[in-house]
Amino acid sequence: MIRSLAIGAGATAATVALAHTALAGYVARRLIAPRAPKVFSPALIKGDTVSVPATADSLQPGTYGLRLDDGSHLRVGEVVRTDGDRVVRTVLERPSGLADGEVIAAWTSQNIGAPEDVGPTRHVSIPLRRGGVAEAWEIGDEATADGRWTIHVHGLRSSRNGALRSAPATVDAGWISLVVSYAGDEECAPADTLPSTLGTREWRDVDDAIAYAVERGAREIVLVAWSMGGTIAMLAAEQSAHRDALVGLVLVAPALDWTRIVENAVASAHLPRTVAAASMRVLGSPVGARALGLVEAVDARALTWVGPQRPGPGIPTLIVHSRVDPVVPFSGSVAYVERHPDAELLAFDATGHCNEANQETERFHDGIAGWLRRL
């Protein structure tokens, strides 16, 4: 009987271990998965309102957008009312000639329709050292910028359309805005087939954008980075051949400590805390990397700038972050600023992740523009 209990306990332990490993692999895969296709559904435009399916995103306060299936953009404002499983919001701006009625559209945090809405725009292609090009928007007046450039870097499962939200502030401050794409996003091949490496591969494409700006006459460069773009910006500031040209960072809800981020995601899913550490071991192992389709293993635990492991770039830094961010814990930004006297924190109370620009647009704009003018 004792022997049978031991065998049973061993089998149970093995089953638990396998389940734990499977959970860790699932979390790792979800963390780095390519962006899911946009969900298009019917929306009903009536006068100065539009009715859309009620979701966690479409119920958020602030200004957002609807990307129509023909590629055009409808800018929407605050919630007017909810009707069962639908929410009615104000229409702030609609494409020319768009009549009332039903359209097929996807909800988006992108509350700027096109770069031309920000300023004079040049559509450019940035040569990449790995081959091919990355499409980008170059916005602003080079004649008056006097060699001052900002490079806007979007986050994981996003696109340069999302990073466009920071361009009005930098253009108004008199800097050129270069809004870039990079490996694995929805534009810059290879896209749909490759998972993210949390910035460890992607930063090289952004470094090529830095080189492009320098070749175009940039003397002072500020990286304006969103979410995982914060990881990319930190890696570029550490390793770029042109890091001497980097004079500052503006980081929006930045991923500065991936251990904190993964632990937060695991806790939010009500999974055992040990799954977080196991998922990072999966990402960092050659076997796990191959199973996940990664080009290279990712040491997520090393991607932290809030402790003594990595000192940070030592340049003026503005962090814009909501205290209640559900994805990237605010505590990471606080910890970074506490250790770096050259960094300052502009705190928001925006709900959702990276919604600071959507919910307090004027304060977001003025905070970044004012900081750049003082730089």
Protein backbone atom coordinates (compact mmCIF):
# COMPACT_ATOMS: atom_id res chain seq x y z
CA MET A 1 0.00 0.00 0.00
CA ILE A 2 2.83 2.39 0.87
CA ARG A 3 4.45 1.57 -2.47
CA SER A 4 1.20 2.24 -4.37
CA LEU A 5 0.78 5.58 -2.58
CA ALA A 6 4.34 6.54 -3.52
CA ILE A 7 3.71 5.61 -7.13
CA GLY A 8 0.44 7.57 -7.09
CA ALA A 9 2.11 10.59 -5.52
CA GLY A 10 4.90 10.41 -8.09
CA ALA A 11 2.42 10.26 -10.94
CA THR A 12 0.48 13.18 -9.47
CA ALA A 13 3.66 15.21 -9.08
CA ALA A 14 4.64 14.46 -12.67
CA THR A 15 1.18 15.49 -13.86
CA VAL A 16 1.38 18.75 -11.88
CA ALA A 17 4.88 19.42 -13.25
CA LEU A 18 3.71 18.85 -16.81
CA ALA A 19 0.70 21.11 -16.28
CA HIS A 20 2.95 23.79 -14.80
CA THR A 21 5.32 23.57 -17.77
CA ALA A 22 2.40 23.74 -20.19
CA LEU A 23 1.08 26.84 -18.43
CA ALA A 24 4.52 28.43 -18.58
CA GLY A 25 4.76 27.71 -22.29
CA TYR A 26 1.29 29.14 -22.84
CA VAL A 27 2.16 32.37 -20.99
CA ALA A 28 5.43 32.70 -22.91
CA ARG A 29 3.65 32.16 -26.23
CA ARG A 30 0.93 34.69 -25.39
CA LEU A 31 3.56 37.21 -24.35
CA ILE A 32 5.41 37.21 -27.65
CA ALA A 33 2.62 36.27 -30.07
CA PRO A 34 2.24 38.37 -33.22
CA ARG A 35 -0.62 40.82 -33.28
CA ALA A 36 -4.04 39.29 -33.80
CA PRO A 37 -6.01 40.57 -36.80
CA LYS A 38 -8.21 43.58 -36.13
CA VAL A 39 -11.80 42.71 -35.34
CA PHE A 40 -14.11 44.43 -37.82
CA SER A 41 -17.80 44.63 -36.98
CA PRO A 42 -20.82 46.73 -37.96
CA ALA A 43 -21.00 50.30 -36.65
CA LEU A 44 -23.95 52.60 -37.18
CA ILE A 45 -23.34 56.29 -37.89
CA LYS A 46 -26.22 58.64 -37.19
CA GLY A 47 -25.57 62.37 -37.31
CA ASP A 48 -22.94 63.23 -34.72
CA THR A 49 -22.98 59.81 -33.03
CA VAL A 50 -21.83 56.29 -33.81
CA SER A 51 -22.96 53.01 -32.25
CA VAL A 52 -20.37 50.25 -31.82
CA PRO A 53 -20.19 46.93 -29.94
CA ALA A 54 -19.62 47.49 -26.22
CA THR A 55 -16.22 46.13 -25.19
CA ALA A 56 -13.72 46.93 -22.47
CA ASP A 57 -11.95 49.20 -24.95
CA SER A 58 -14.93 50.94 -26.54
CA LEU A 59 -16.33 51.81 -23.11
CA GLN A 60 -13.19 53.69 -22.07
CA PRO A 61 -13.44 57.48 -21.68
CA GLY A 62 -11.55 59.76 -24.06
CA THR A 63 -10.98 60.09 -27.81
CA TYR A 64 -10.30 57.08 -30.04
CA GLY A 65 -10.84 55.97 -33.60
CA LEU A 66 -12.66 53.59 -35.88
CA ARG A 67 -10.63 52.20 -38.78
CA LEU A 68 -13.09 51.51 -41.59
CA ASP A 69 -12.67 48.50 -43.86
CA ASP A 70 -11.73 50.83 -46.74
CA GLY A 71 -8.78 52.15 -44.69
CA SER A 72 -10.35 55.51 -43.78
CA HIS A 73 -10.56 56.74 -40.19
CA LEU A 74 -13.42 58.02 -38.05
CA ARG A 75 -12.47 59.96 -34.92
CA VAL A 76 -14.78 59.34 -31.97
CA GLY A 77 -15.23 61.10 -28.64
CA GLU A 78 -16.89 60.45 -25.31
CA VAL A 79 -19.59 57.94 -24.49
CA VAL A 80 -23.12 59.29 -24.91
CA ARG A 81 -24.96 56.23 -23.61
CA THR A 82 -24.95 52.45 -23.61
CA ASP A 83 -27.72 50.44 -25.27
CA GLY A 84 -27.50 46.84 -24.14
CA ASP A 85 -24.50 45.30 -25.84
CA ARG A 86 -23.67 48.48 -27.76
CA VAL A 87 -22.21 51.85 -26.85
CA VAL A 88 -23.04 55.17 -28.50
CA ARG A 89 -20.24 57.73 -28.75
CA THR A 90 -19.84 61.16 -30.28
CA VAL A 91 -18.33 61.56 -33.75
CA LEU A 92 -15.59 64.18 -33.74
CA GLU A 93 -14.46 63.85 -37.34
CA ARG A 94 -15.57 61.69 -40.24
CA PRO A 95 -14.09 61.06 -43.68
CA SER A 96 -15.27 63.44 -46.38
CA GLY A 97 -18.37 62.12 -48.13
CA LEU A 98 -19.15 59.43 -45.54
CA ALA A 99 -22.94 59.33 -45.14
CA ASP A 100 -25.00 58.11 -42.23
CA GLY A 101 -25.65 54.39 -42.09
CA GLU A 102 -23.90 51.14 -41.36
CA VAL A 103 -20.14 50.77 -41.88
CA ILE A 104 -17.72 47.95 -41.10
CA ALA A 105 -15.00 49.17 -38.75
CA ALA A 106 -12.47 48.15 -36.10
CA TRP A 107 -12.04 49.96 -32.79
CA THR A 108 -8.60 51.48 -32.28
CA SER A 109 -6.74 53.66 -29.81
CA GLN A 110 -5.42 55.61 -32.79
CA ASN A 111 -7.16 58.97 -32.48
CA ILE A 112 -5.21 60.58 -35.35
CA GLY A 113 -6.28 59.48 -38.80
CA ALA A 114 -3.09 60.14 -40.77
CA PRO A 115 0.34 61.75 -40.31
CA GLU A 116 -0.75 64.60 -42.58
CA ASP A 117 -3.17 65.57 -39.80
CA VAL A 118 -0.11 66.37 -37.67
CA GLY A 119 2.01 68.32 -40.14
CA PRO A 120 3.89 68.27 -43.45
CA THR A 121 4.66 64.60 -44.06
CA ARG A 122 7.16 62.70 -46.15
CA HIS A 123 6.64 58.96 -46.60
CA VAL A 124 10.12 57.43 -46.43
CA SER A 125 11.77 53.98 -46.49
CA ILE A 126 14.60 53.33 -44.04
CA PRO A 127 17.28 50.84 -45.23
CA LEU A 128 17.80 48.00 -42.75
CA ARG A 129 21.05 46.20 -42.08
CA ARG A 130 19.18 42.86 -42.13
CA GLY A 131 17.95 43.65 -45.64
CA GLY A 132 14.85 45.36 -46.93
CA VAL A 133 13.39 48.60 -45.65
CA ALA A 134 11.16 49.88 -42.86
CA GLU A 135 8.42 52.30 -43.84
CA ALA A 136 8.25 55.50 -41.80
CA TRP A 137 6.68 58.93 -41.67
CA GLU A 138 8.86 61.99 -41.43
CA ILE A 139 6.76 64.86 -40.12
CA GLY A 140 7.66 68.52 -39.64
CA ASP A 141 9.74 71.29 -41.13
CA GLU A 142 13.42 70.40 -41.46
CA ALA A 143 14.33 74.02 -42.12
CA THR A 144 13.17 75.16 -38.69
CA ALA A 145 14.01 72.02 -36.70
CA ASP A 146 17.73 72.84 -36.72
CA GLY A 147 18.87 69.22 -36.55
CA ARG A 148 16.51 68.22 -33.70
CA TRP A 149 14.71 64.94 -34.36
CA THR A 150 12.39 62.70 -32.38
CA ILE A 151 11.99 59.04 -33.30
CA HIS A 152 8.65 57.51 -32.25
CA VAL A 153 8.69 53.80 -31.41
CA HIS A 154 5.47 51.86 -30.93
CA GLY A 155 4.96 48.91 -28.60
CA LEU A 156 4.19 45.21 -28.80
CA ARG A 157 1.22 44.24 -31.00
CA SER A 158 0.87 47.83 -32.14
CA SER A 159 1.91 49.88 -35.16
CA ARG A 160 3.30 53.28 -36.04
CA ASN A 161 -0.29 54.54 -36.14
CA GLY A 162 -0.37 54.14 -32.37
CA ALA A 163 2.92 55.97 -31.90
CA LEU A 164 1.58 58.81 -34.03
CA ARG A 165 -0.25 60.04 -30.91
CA SER A 166 2.97 61.57 -29.54
CA ALA A 167 3.91 63.35 -32.78
CA PRO A 168 1.72 66.49 -32.34
CA ALA A 169 3.60 67.40 -29.16
CA THR A 170 7.06 66.96 -30.67
CA VAL A 171 6.20 68.76 -33.92
CA ASP A 172 4.67 71.65 -31.98
CA ALA A 173 7.88 71.84 -29.92
CA GLY A 174 9.80 72.36 -33.18
CA TRP A 175 11.34 68.89 -33.63
CA ILE A 176 11.12 66.60 -36.66
CA SER A 177 9.07 63.47 -35.91
CA LEU A 178 10.18 60.20 -37.50
CA VAL A 179 7.49 57.57 -36.79
CA VAL A 180 8.91 54.15 -37.57
CA SER A 181 8.00 50.51 -38.13
CA TYR A 182 10.24 47.59 -37.18
CA ALA A 183 10.65 43.81 -37.43
CA GLY A 184 7.58 41.82 -36.54
CA ASP A 185 4.99 44.60 -36.59
CA GLU A 186 2.10 44.66 -39.04
CA GLU A 187 4.06 46.55 -41.70
CA CYS A 188 7.74 45.73 -41.56
CA ALA A 189 8.44 42.26 -42.94
CA PRO A 190 8.77 39.67 -41.59
CA ALA A 191 5.52 40.44 -39.82
CA ASP A 192 2.83 37.86 -39.17
CA THR A 193 5.16 34.86 -39.03
CA LEU A 194 7.64 35.95 -36.36
CA PRO A 195 6.93 36.41 -32.64
CA SER A 196 8.39 39.35 -30.74
CA THR A 197 11.73 39.12 -28.98
CA LEU A 198 10.63 41.81 -26.49
CA GLY A 199 12.92 44.34 -28.15
CA THR A 200 16.17 42.36 -28.29
CA ARG A 201 15.92 41.99 -32.07
CA GLU A 202 13.63 44.91 -32.83
CA TRP A 203 16.00 47.56 -31.45
CA ARG A 204 18.37 47.02 -34.39
CA ASP A 205 15.75 48.30 -36.85
CA VAL A 206 15.24 51.36 -34.66
CA ASP A 207 19.01 51.82 -34.59
CA ASP A 208 18.89 51.90 -38.40
CA ALA A 209 16.28 54.67 -38.06
CA ILE A 210 18.69 56.56 -35.80
CA ALA A 211 21.40 56.17 -38.47
CA TYR A 212 18.94 57.43 -41.11
CA ALA A 213 18.18 60.53 -39.04
CA VAL A 214 21.88 61.25 -38.50
CA GLU A 215 22.51 60.93 -42.23
CA ARG A 216 19.68 63.41 -42.81
CA GLY A 217 21.34 65.96 -40.55
CA ALA A 218 20.01 65.11 -37.10
CA ARG A 219 22.34 66.44 -34.41
CA GLU A 220 20.13 65.88 -31.39
CA ILE A 221 17.76 62.90 -31.17
CA VAL A 222 15.12 62.05 -28.60
CA LEU A 223 13.52 58.60 -28.67
CA VAL A 224 9.80 58.73 -27.91
CA ALA A 225 8.91 55.16 -27.03
CA TRP A 226 5.67 53.43 -26.11
CA SER A 227 5.34 50.34 -23.88
CA MET A 228 7.75 47.68 -25.28
CA GLY A 229 9.25 50.55 -27.27
CA GLY A 230 10.74 51.58 -23.91
CA THR A 231 12.79 48.37 -23.91
CA ILE A 232 13.85 49.09 -27.48
CA ALA A 233 14.85 52.65 -26.56
CA MET A 234 16.94 51.46 -23.62
CA LEU A 235 18.74 48.88 -25.73
CA ALA A 236 19.41 51.47 -28.44
CA ALA A 237 20.70 53.96 -25.87
CA GLU A 238 23.10 51.28 -24.60
CA GLN A 239 24.28 49.83 -27.90
CA SER A 240 23.63 52.18 -30.82
CA ALA A 241 26.67 53.30 -32.80
CA HIS A 242 25.06 56.76 -32.74
CA ARG A 243 24.16 56.84 -29.06
CA ASP A 244 26.15 60.06 -28.63
CA ALA A 245 23.45 61.76 -30.69
CA LEU A 246 20.76 60.68 -28.22
CA VAL A 247 20.06 63.61 -25.91
CA GLY A 248 16.88 62.40 -24.23
CA LEU A 249 14.11 59.84 -23.87
CA VAL A 250 10.36 60.24 -23.62
CA LEU A 251 8.87 56.96 -22.42
CA VAL A 252 5.11 56.30 -22.41
CA ALA A 253 4.01 53.46 -20.11
CA PRO A 254 7.47 51.94 -20.66
CA ALA A 255 8.47 48.31 -20.28
CA LEU A 256 11.50 48.84 -18.04
CA ASP A 257 11.27 45.58 -16.06
CA TRP A 258 9.94 42.48 -17.79
CA THR A 259 9.94 40.40 -14.63
CA ARG A 260 7.45 42.84 -13.13
CA ILE A 261 5.35 42.79 -16.31
CA VAL A 262 5.19 38.99 -16.57
CA GLU A 263 4.44 38.59 -12.87
CA ASN A 264 1.64 41.14 -13.21
CA ALA A 265 0.17 39.28 -16.20
CA VAL A 266 0.29 35.95 -14.35
CA ALA A 267 -1.32 37.46 -11.24
CA SER A 268 -4.07 39.07 -13.36
CA ALA A 269 -4.81 35.64 -14.86
CA HIS A 270 -4.98 34.15 -11.33
CA LEU A 271 -2.17 31.72 -12.09
CA PRO A 272 0.50 30.60 -9.58
CA ARG A 273 3.34 33.10 -9.26
CA THR A 274 5.83 30.35 -10.12
CA VAL A 275 4.41 30.28 -13.66
CA ALA A 276 5.96 33.70 -14.28
CA ALA A 277 9.50 32.53 -13.53
CA ALA A 278 8.95 29.33 -15.49
CA SER A 279 7.67 31.20 -18.55
CA MET A 280 10.77 33.40 -18.53
CA ARG A 281 12.95 30.30 -18.33
CA VAL A 282 11.13 28.97 -21.41
CA LEU A 283 11.85 32.20 -23.29
CA GLY A 284 15.51 32.15 -22.28
CA SER A 285 16.25 28.53 -23.18
CA PRO A 286 17.33 27.46 -26.69
CA VAL A 287 14.81 24.58 -26.62
CA GLY A 288 11.99 26.87 -25.53
CA ALA A 289 12.94 29.50 -28.09
CA ARG A 290 12.79 26.93 -30.90
CA ALA A 291 9.43 25.65 -29.71
CA LEU A 292 8.06 29.21 -29.69
CA GLY A 293 9.44 30.00 -33.14
CA LEU A 294 11.83 32.65 -31.84
CA VAL A 295 14.81 33.70 -33.93
CA GLU A 296 16.87 33.78 -30.74
CA ALA A 297 16.34 33.06 -27.04
CA VAL A 298 15.21 36.02 -24.94
CA ASP A 299 16.56 36.58 -21.44
CA ALA A 300 13.51 38.50 -20.20
CA ARG A 301 14.87 38.66 -16.64
CA ALA A 302 17.86 40.66 -17.87
CA LEU A 303 15.58 43.25 -19.48
CA THR A 304 15.31 45.47 -16.44
CA TRP A 305 16.54 48.97 -15.74
CA VAL A 306 14.97 49.48 -12.34
CA GLY A 307 17.67 47.78 -10.27
CA PRO A 308 21.45 47.81 -10.12
CA GLN A 309 21.91 45.31 -12.98
CA ARG A 310 21.78 47.95 -15.76
CA PRO A 311 22.53 51.56 -14.89
CA GLY A 312 20.44 53.22 -17.60
CA PRO A 313 21.62 55.60 -20.32
CA GLY A 314 22.26 58.61 -18.07
CA ILE A 315 20.41 61.12 -20.27
CA PRO A 316 17.38 63.32 -19.47
CA THR A 317 14.26 61.18 -19.43
CA LEU A 318 10.56 61.95 -19.17
CA ILE A 319 8.29 59.05 -18.21
CA VAL A 320 4.57 59.40 -18.90
CA HIS A 321 2.60 56.67 -17.16
CA SER A 322 -0.79 55.97 -15.59
CA ARG A 323 -0.91 54.92 -11.98
CA VAL A 324 -3.55 52.31 -12.84
CA ASP A 325 -1.97 50.80 -15.96
CA PRO A 326 -3.20 47.17 -16.01
CA VAL A 327 -0.41 45.85 -18.28
CA VAL A 328 2.86 47.60 -17.39
CA PRO A 329 2.98 48.25 -13.64
CA PHE A 330 3.40 51.90 -12.67
CA SER A 331 5.75 50.77 -9.89
CA GLY A 332 8.46 50.10 -12.48
CA SER A 333 8.45 53.72 -13.61
CA VAL A 334 8.52 54.92 -10.00
CA ALA A 335 11.47 52.64 -9.25
CA TYR A 336 13.36 53.92 -12.30
CA VAL A 337 12.87 57.58 -11.41
CA GLU A 338 13.91 56.96 -7.81
CA ARG A 339 17.27 55.63 -9.04
CA HIS A 340 17.88 58.17 -11.80
CA PRO A 341 18.07 61.87 -10.91
CA ASP A 342 18.02 62.75 -14.62
CA ALA A 343 14.52 61.22 -14.97
CA GLU A 344 11.14 62.73 -14.12
CA LEU A 345 7.70 61.17 -13.96
CA LEU A 346 4.48 62.67 -15.29
CA ALA A 347 1.75 60.55 -13.67
CA PHE A 348 -1.76 60.07 -15.05
CA ASP A 349 -4.87 58.24 -13.87
CA ALA A 350 -5.88 56.98 -17.32
CA THR A 351 -7.61 53.61 -17.44
CA GLY A 352 -6.27 50.98 -19.80
CA HIS A 353 -2.75 50.64 -21.19
CA CYS A 354 -1.20 53.54 -23.14
CA ASN A 355 -4.39 55.59 -22.98
CA GLU A 356 -2.79 58.68 -21.46
CA ALA A 357 -2.91 60.48 -24.82
CA ASN A 358 -6.53 59.47 -25.34
CA GLN A 359 -7.96 60.43 -21.98
CA GLU A 360 -5.96 63.56 -21.10
CA THR A 361 -4.89 64.70 -24.56
CA GLU A 362 -4.00 68.29 -23.69
CA ARG A 363 -1.98 67.40 -20.58
CA PHE A 364 -0.18 64.65 -22.49
CA HIS A 365 0.66 67.06 -25.32
CA ASP A 366 1.76 69.93 -23.09
CA GLY A 367 3.83 67.70 -20.83
CA ILE A 368 5.93 66.35 -23.69
CA ALA A 369 6.14 69.60 -25.66
CA GLY A 370 7.13 71.57 -22.56
CA TRP A 371 9.79 69.04 -21.60
CA LEU A 372 11.31 69.17 -25.11
CA ARG A 373 11.41 72.96 -25.07
CA ARG A 374 13.33 72.87 -21.79
CA LEU A 375 15.78 70.23 -23.02
